[in-house]
Amino acid sequence: MSVKTISPDSPFDDVAEALSSADCLMIGPDCPEETKSKLIFYSMKNDKLVYVVPSLYDLLVSKSVITSLDDTMIVGVKPFGLTFDQLLVKRVFDITLSLIMLIVLSPLFLLAAIA
């Protein structure tokens, strides 16, 4: 498998030519949105697999909620992290697993303390 790196500001024809002999395309986070859209459309049209390295903005928008305010569509961005319920389940899982491992490994701890 060969890899060819092309600058995001390369002419689209050069990118299309390189993509014609490639199996897939990987787009970095510094690629301009307009170029990224063209590349994804071209790749899908030519049955090429596309990998996109997301920017922080892309990650934030992926967790967004679309709603409307009067006649305007707005996007609400949720913060990263676990909800309170998820944090509670994680804490219970952590404590349970710790207790089980403490019971299982206690004979080994006892041997280490005696030695």
Protein backbone atom coordinates (compact mmCIF):
# COMPACT_ATOMS: atom_id res chain seq x y z
CA MET A 1 0.00 0.00 0.00
CA SER A 2 1.51 3.29 -1.02
CA VAL A 3 0.89 6.61 0.67
CA LYS A 4 0.94 9.95 -1.10
CA THR A 5 0.71 13.21 0.83
CA ILE A 6 -0.90 16.18 -0.84
CA SER A 7 -1.08 19.70 0.56
CA PRO A 8 -4.58 21.03 1.28
CA ASP A 9 -3.92 23.97 -1.02
CA SER A 10 -2.97 21.76 -3.99
CA PRO A 11 -5.11 22.19 -7.12
CA PHE A 12 -8.16 19.93 -7.09
CA ASP A 13 -7.09 18.27 -10.36
CA ASP A 14 -3.84 17.08 -8.75
CA VAL A 15 -5.76 15.65 -5.82
CA ALA A 16 -8.28 13.95 -8.12
CA GLU A 17 -5.45 12.42 -10.15
CA ALA A 18 -3.76 11.06 -7.03
CA LEU A 19 -7.07 9.75 -5.72
CA SER A 20 -7.78 7.84 -8.93
CA SER A 21 -4.98 5.38 -8.10
CA ALA A 22 -5.69 5.26 -4.36
CA ASP A 23 -7.96 3.01 -2.33
CA CYS A 24 -8.89 5.60 0.27
CA LEU A 25 -8.50 9.23 1.25
CA MET A 26 -7.55 10.70 4.61
CA ILE A 27 -8.39 14.36 5.18
CA GLY A 28 -6.60 16.25 7.95
CA PRO A 29 -8.15 18.82 10.27
CA ASP A 30 -6.39 21.75 8.59
CA CYS A 31 -8.13 21.18 5.24
CA PRO A 32 -10.52 24.05 4.39
CA GLU A 33 -14.23 23.16 4.65
CA GLU A 34 -14.96 23.86 0.98
CA THR A 35 -12.08 21.64 -0.17
CA LYS A 36 -13.07 18.97 2.35
CA SER A 37 -16.62 18.91 0.97
CA LYS A 38 -15.40 18.64 -2.62
CA LEU A 39 -13.01 15.82 -1.73
CA ILE A 40 -15.63 13.84 0.17
CA PHE A 41 -18.17 14.23 -2.64
CA TYR A 42 -15.59 13.24 -5.29
CA SER A 43 -14.45 10.24 -3.24
CA MET A 44 -17.97 8.97 -2.63
CA LYS A 45 -18.82 9.40 -6.31
CA ASN A 46 -15.80 7.24 -7.19
CA ASP A 47 -16.39 4.58 -4.49
CA LYS A 48 -13.38 5.57 -2.39
CA LEU A 49 -13.24 5.19 1.37
CA VAL A 50 -12.79 8.51 3.21
CA TYR A 51 -11.22 9.03 6.63
CA VAL A 52 -11.60 12.48 8.19
CA VAL A 53 -9.49 13.66 11.12
CA PRO A 54 -11.94 15.90 12.97
CA SER A 55 -11.15 19.34 14.29
CA LEU A 56 -12.40 20.43 17.72
CA TYR A 57 -15.28 22.20 16.00
CA ASP A 58 -16.27 18.97 14.20
CA LEU A 59 -16.26 17.09 17.50
CA LEU A 60 -18.37 19.71 19.24
CA VAL A 61 -20.92 19.86 16.44
CA SER A 62 -21.21 16.06 16.35
CA LYS A 63 -22.69 16.15 19.86
CA SER A 64 -25.02 19.03 19.08
CA VAL A 65 -28.79 19.27 19.32
CA ILE A 66 -30.72 20.99 16.54
CA THR A 67 -33.66 23.09 17.68
CA SER A 68 -35.49 26.18 16.56
CA LEU A 69 -35.83 29.61 18.07
CA ASP A 70 -38.77 31.39 16.46
CA ASP A 71 -38.09 30.86 12.73
CA THR A 72 -34.36 30.30 13.07
CA MET A 73 -32.67 26.92 13.28
CA ILE A 74 -30.03 26.88 16.02
CA VAL A 75 -27.51 24.28 17.10
CA GLY A 76 -26.97 23.67 20.80
CA VAL A 77 -23.55 22.26 21.67
CA LYS A 78 -23.41 19.93 24.65
CA PRO A 79 -20.27 19.85 26.80
CA PHE A 80 -18.04 16.79 26.67
CA GLY A 81 -18.10 14.44 29.59
CA LEU A 82 -20.37 12.00 31.31
CA THR A 83 -23.82 12.78 32.64
CA PHE A 84 -24.54 12.46 36.36
CA ASP A 85 -26.13 9.03 35.83
CA GLN A 86 -23.14 7.82 33.81
CA LEU A 87 -20.75 9.10 36.50
CA LEU A 88 -22.74 7.25 39.17
CA VAL A 89 -22.69 3.98 37.21
CA LYS A 90 -18.97 4.39 36.58
CA ARG A 91 -18.27 5.00 40.28
CA VAL A 92 -20.30 1.90 41.31
CA PHE A 93 -18.48 -0.18 38.68
CA ASP A 94 -15.08 1.10 39.87
CA ILE A 95 -15.81 0.31 43.52
CA THR A 96 -17.27 -3.13 42.73
CA LEU A 97 -14.32 -4.11 40.53
CA SER A 98 -11.86 -2.83 43.15
CA LEU A 99 -13.49 -4.89 45.89
CA ILE A 100 -13.51 -8.03 43.74
CA MET A 101 -9.83 -7.59 42.85
CA LEU A 102 -8.97 -6.93 46.51
CA ILE A 103 -10.66 -10.19 47.54
CA VAL A 104 -9.04 -12.18 44.72
CA LEU A 105 -5.55 -10.79 45.36
CA SER A 106 -5.67 -10.73 49.18
CA PRO A 107 -3.86 -14.12 49.51
CA LEU A 108 -1.04 -12.73 47.38
CA PHE A 109 -0.91 -9.60 49.56
CA LEU A 110 -0.77 -11.80 52.67
CA LEU A 111 2.15 -13.80 51.24
CA ALA A 112 3.97 -10.60 50.36
CA ALA A 113 3.44 -9.24 53.89
CA ILE A 114 4.80 -12.44 55.49
CA ALA A 115 7.89 -12.57 53.26
